Amino acid sequence: MPRPLPDYLRPGLDLVVVGINPGMRSAAAGHHYAGPGNHFWPLLFACGLVDEPLTCTQDARVLEWDIGLTNMVDRASPSVRDLSPSELRAGAAILRRKLLRAAPRVVCFNGKRIYEVFAGHPCVFGLQPERIGASAVFVMPSTSARTAAYQRADKLRFFRELRAIVDAARTQEVMA
């Protein structure tokens, strides 16, 4: 049985990216977003949130850019459909506590479904009206290659919007 992926969290981060749970490839590799078709790492660089290309094997390095990574459910599965509603609800409660403790400037949910389960209501992509503690909340399409409705260029638009929100949150902190 693969071990859960580590959380890369600490207080004061600019951004925490939340996945729903590790896929089988990520769990086997022991690294976040390790699936060969996942767009996460190339888009993180392309939008300028990090200033050098990273791969999944360097996932712990996101902390160098004040970015954190976590998942709502620790258990790996081939698909979100393999997670039970009770498992998702329990994971959402644990995730809320983690996010309140870390208190990042921005929380980004990597996938609409994950945020809808977390929040308990439907949402649209982009900046959400509610906050988690003091953290702004952003929802983007999943970076998984399985999200065929959004191609890489579409996902890059969301990553660029996310970067603008993170940059604005940093500026507000400096001005305060």
Protein backbone atom coordinates (compact mmCIF):
# COMPACT_ATOMS: atom_id res chain seq x y z
CA MET A 1 0.00 0.00 0.00
CA PRO A 2 1.54 3.36 -1.00
CA ARG A 3 2.16 5.90 1.75
CA PRO A 4 0.25 9.19 1.70
CA LEU A 5 2.06 12.05 0.01
CA PRO A 6 3.65 14.57 2.34
CA ASP A 7 1.98 17.91 2.90
CA TYR A 8 4.17 20.88 2.08
CA LEU A 9 2.60 23.38 4.45
CA ARG A 10 3.78 26.00 6.90
CA PRO A 11 2.32 29.24 8.23
CA GLY A 12 2.62 32.33 6.06
CA LEU A 13 2.68 30.79 2.58
CA ASP A 14 1.54 32.89 -0.36
CA LEU A 15 -0.32 30.01 -1.98
CA VAL A 16 -1.46 26.49 -1.14
CA VAL A 17 -2.60 24.27 -4.01
CA VAL A 18 -5.09 21.59 -2.98
CA GLY A 19 -5.60 18.38 -4.92
CA ILE A 20 -8.44 15.97 -4.28
CA ASN A 21 -6.21 12.93 -3.61
CA PRO A 22 -3.08 11.32 -5.03
CA GLY A 23 -3.47 9.34 -8.22
CA MET A 24 -1.88 5.92 -8.38
CA ARG A 25 1.17 7.21 -10.29
CA SER A 26 1.79 9.98 -7.75
CA ALA A 27 1.39 7.57 -4.84
CA ALA A 28 3.82 5.09 -6.40
CA ALA A 29 6.34 7.85 -7.11
CA GLY A 30 5.85 9.50 -3.71
CA HIS A 31 5.46 12.92 -5.33
CA HIS A 32 2.63 15.33 -6.12
CA TYR A 33 1.33 15.56 -9.71
CA ALA A 34 3.51 12.72 -11.01
CA GLY A 35 1.17 11.52 -13.74
CA PRO A 36 2.91 11.78 -17.10
CA GLY A 37 0.15 13.87 -18.68
CA ASN A 38 -0.48 16.15 -15.71
CA HIS A 39 -0.02 19.80 -16.66
CA PHE A 40 0.68 21.08 -13.14
CA TRP A 41 4.46 21.43 -13.20
CA PRO A 42 4.81 22.99 -16.68
CA LEU A 43 1.98 25.45 -15.97
CA LEU A 44 3.40 26.45 -12.59
CA PHE A 45 6.52 27.61 -14.43
CA ALA A 46 4.78 28.99 -17.54
CA CYS A 47 2.64 31.36 -15.47
CA GLY A 48 5.60 32.61 -13.44
CA LEU A 49 4.64 31.31 -10.00
CA VAL A 50 8.07 29.65 -9.96
CA ASP A 51 11.03 30.98 -11.91
CA GLU A 52 12.53 27.69 -13.02
CA PRO A 53 11.02 24.50 -14.43
CA LEU A 54 10.31 21.89 -11.76
CA THR A 55 9.28 18.27 -11.97
CA CYS A 56 7.31 16.15 -9.56
CA THR A 57 10.53 14.82 -8.02
CA GLN A 58 11.26 18.38 -6.88
CA ASP A 59 7.83 18.93 -5.33
CA ALA A 60 9.25 19.86 -1.90
CA ARG A 61 11.01 22.81 -3.53
CA VAL A 62 7.73 24.69 -3.98
CA LEU A 63 8.25 25.95 -0.44
CA GLU A 64 11.19 28.02 -1.80
CA TRP A 65 8.56 30.13 -3.60
CA ASP A 66 6.19 30.21 -0.60
CA ILE A 67 3.87 27.71 -2.25
CA GLY A 68 2.41 24.72 -0.43
CA LEU A 69 0.85 21.47 -1.62
CA THR A 70 -1.73 19.24 0.05
CA ASN A 71 -4.66 16.96 -0.78
CA MET A 72 -8.17 16.72 0.60
CA VAL A 73 -7.94 12.93 0.95
CA ASP A 74 -4.65 11.17 1.64
CA ARG A 75 -5.63 7.80 0.17
CA ALA A 76 -4.51 7.16 -3.39
CA SER A 77 -7.05 5.94 -5.92
CA PRO A 78 -7.32 5.51 -9.68
CA SER A 79 -10.17 8.06 -9.79
CA VAL A 80 -12.15 10.39 -7.57
CA ARG A 81 -15.08 8.05 -8.17
CA ASP A 82 -13.26 5.54 -5.96
CA LEU A 83 -13.59 7.83 -2.93
CA SER A 84 -16.70 7.48 -0.79
CA PRO A 85 -18.83 10.50 0.16
CA SER A 86 -17.96 9.97 3.83
CA GLU A 87 -14.25 9.81 2.99
CA LEU A 88 -14.56 13.09 1.07
CA ARG A 89 -16.46 14.81 3.92
CA ALA A 90 -13.93 13.63 6.51
CA GLY A 91 -11.08 14.80 4.28
CA ALA A 92 -12.74 18.21 3.86
CA ALA A 93 -12.91 18.67 7.65
CA ILE A 94 -9.23 17.75 8.04
CA LEU A 95 -8.28 20.01 5.12
CA ARG A 96 -10.14 22.97 6.62
CA ARG A 97 -8.14 22.61 9.86
CA LYS A 98 -4.86 22.39 7.91
CA LEU A 99 -5.67 25.50 5.87
CA LEU A 100 -6.76 27.51 8.90
CA ARG A 101 -3.53 26.55 10.66
CA ALA A 102 -1.31 27.41 7.67
CA ALA A 103 -3.29 30.58 6.81
CA PRO A 104 -1.89 31.12 3.30
CA ARG A 105 -2.74 34.28 1.40
CA VAL A 106 -4.48 32.24 -1.32
CA VAL A 107 -5.83 28.68 -1.46
CA CYS A 108 -6.22 27.19 -4.94
CA PHE A 109 -8.41 24.15 -5.46
CA ASN A 110 -7.05 22.13 -8.38
CA GLY A 111 -10.42 21.04 -9.72
CA LYS A 112 -13.99 22.24 -9.40
CA ARG A 113 -15.38 19.04 -7.87
CA ILE A 114 -12.98 19.18 -4.94
CA TYR A 115 -14.08 22.68 -3.99
CA GLU A 116 -17.76 21.84 -4.38
CA VAL A 117 -17.33 18.93 -1.96
CA PHE A 118 -15.27 21.10 0.40
CA ALA A 119 -17.69 24.06 0.34
CA GLY A 120 -20.88 22.03 0.10
CA HIS A 121 -22.27 23.98 -2.86
CA PRO A 122 -21.73 24.47 -6.60
CA CYS A 123 -19.18 26.99 -7.78
CA VAL A 124 -17.77 28.56 -10.92
CA PHE A 125 -14.08 28.68 -11.81
CA GLY A 126 -12.06 31.63 -10.56
CA LEU A 127 -11.95 33.67 -7.38
CA GLN A 128 -14.66 32.62 -4.92
CA PRO A 129 -16.76 35.02 -2.82
CA GLU A 130 -16.00 33.15 0.41
CA ARG A 131 -12.72 32.86 2.25
CA ILE A 132 -11.13 30.20 4.42
CA GLY A 133 -10.16 32.18 7.47
CA ALA A 134 -8.24 35.11 5.95
CA SER A 135 -7.29 33.16 2.80
CA ALA A 136 -8.72 34.05 -0.60
CA VAL A 137 -10.05 31.02 -2.50
CA PHE A 138 -9.48 30.29 -6.19
CA VAL A 139 -10.86 27.35 -8.18
CA MET A 140 -9.35 26.17 -11.46
CA PRO A 141 -9.86 23.20 -13.77
CA SER A 142 -7.95 20.12 -12.72
CA THR A 143 -4.47 19.88 -14.18
CA SER A 144 -5.03 16.16 -14.75
CA ALA A 145 -4.75 15.02 -18.35
CA ARG A 146 -8.17 13.43 -17.81
CA THR A 147 -9.72 16.90 -17.81
CA ALA A 148 -10.16 16.92 -21.58
CA ALA A 149 -12.66 19.80 -21.60
CA TYR A 150 -9.76 22.15 -20.81
CA GLN A 151 -6.58 21.90 -22.83
CA ARG A 152 -3.21 23.15 -21.62
CA ALA A 153 -3.68 26.65 -23.09
CA ASP A 154 -7.04 26.97 -21.32
CA LYS A 155 -5.50 25.85 -18.05
CA LEU A 156 -2.65 28.35 -18.50
CA ARG A 157 -5.20 31.19 -18.51
CA PHE A 158 -6.38 30.06 -15.09
CA PHE A 159 -2.80 29.76 -13.82
CA ARG A 160 -2.08 33.31 -15.01
CA GLU A 161 -5.20 34.56 -13.24
CA LEU A 162 -4.07 32.71 -10.11
CA ARG A 163 -0.65 34.33 -10.31
CA ALA A 164 -2.23 37.78 -10.58
CA ILE A 165 -4.32 37.06 -7.46
CA VAL A 166 -1.27 35.82 -5.55
CA ASP A 167 0.74 38.88 -6.66
CA ALA A 168 -2.09 41.19 -5.54
CA ALA A 169 -2.30 39.40 -2.17
CA ARG A 170 1.46 39.84 -1.70
CA THR A 171 1.18 43.56 -2.53
CA GLN A 172 -1.66 44.06 -0.06
CA GLU A 173 0.46 42.44 2.66
CA VAL A 174 3.38 44.76 1.88
CA MET A 175 1.09 47.81 1.94
CA ALA A 176 -0.60 46.87 5.23
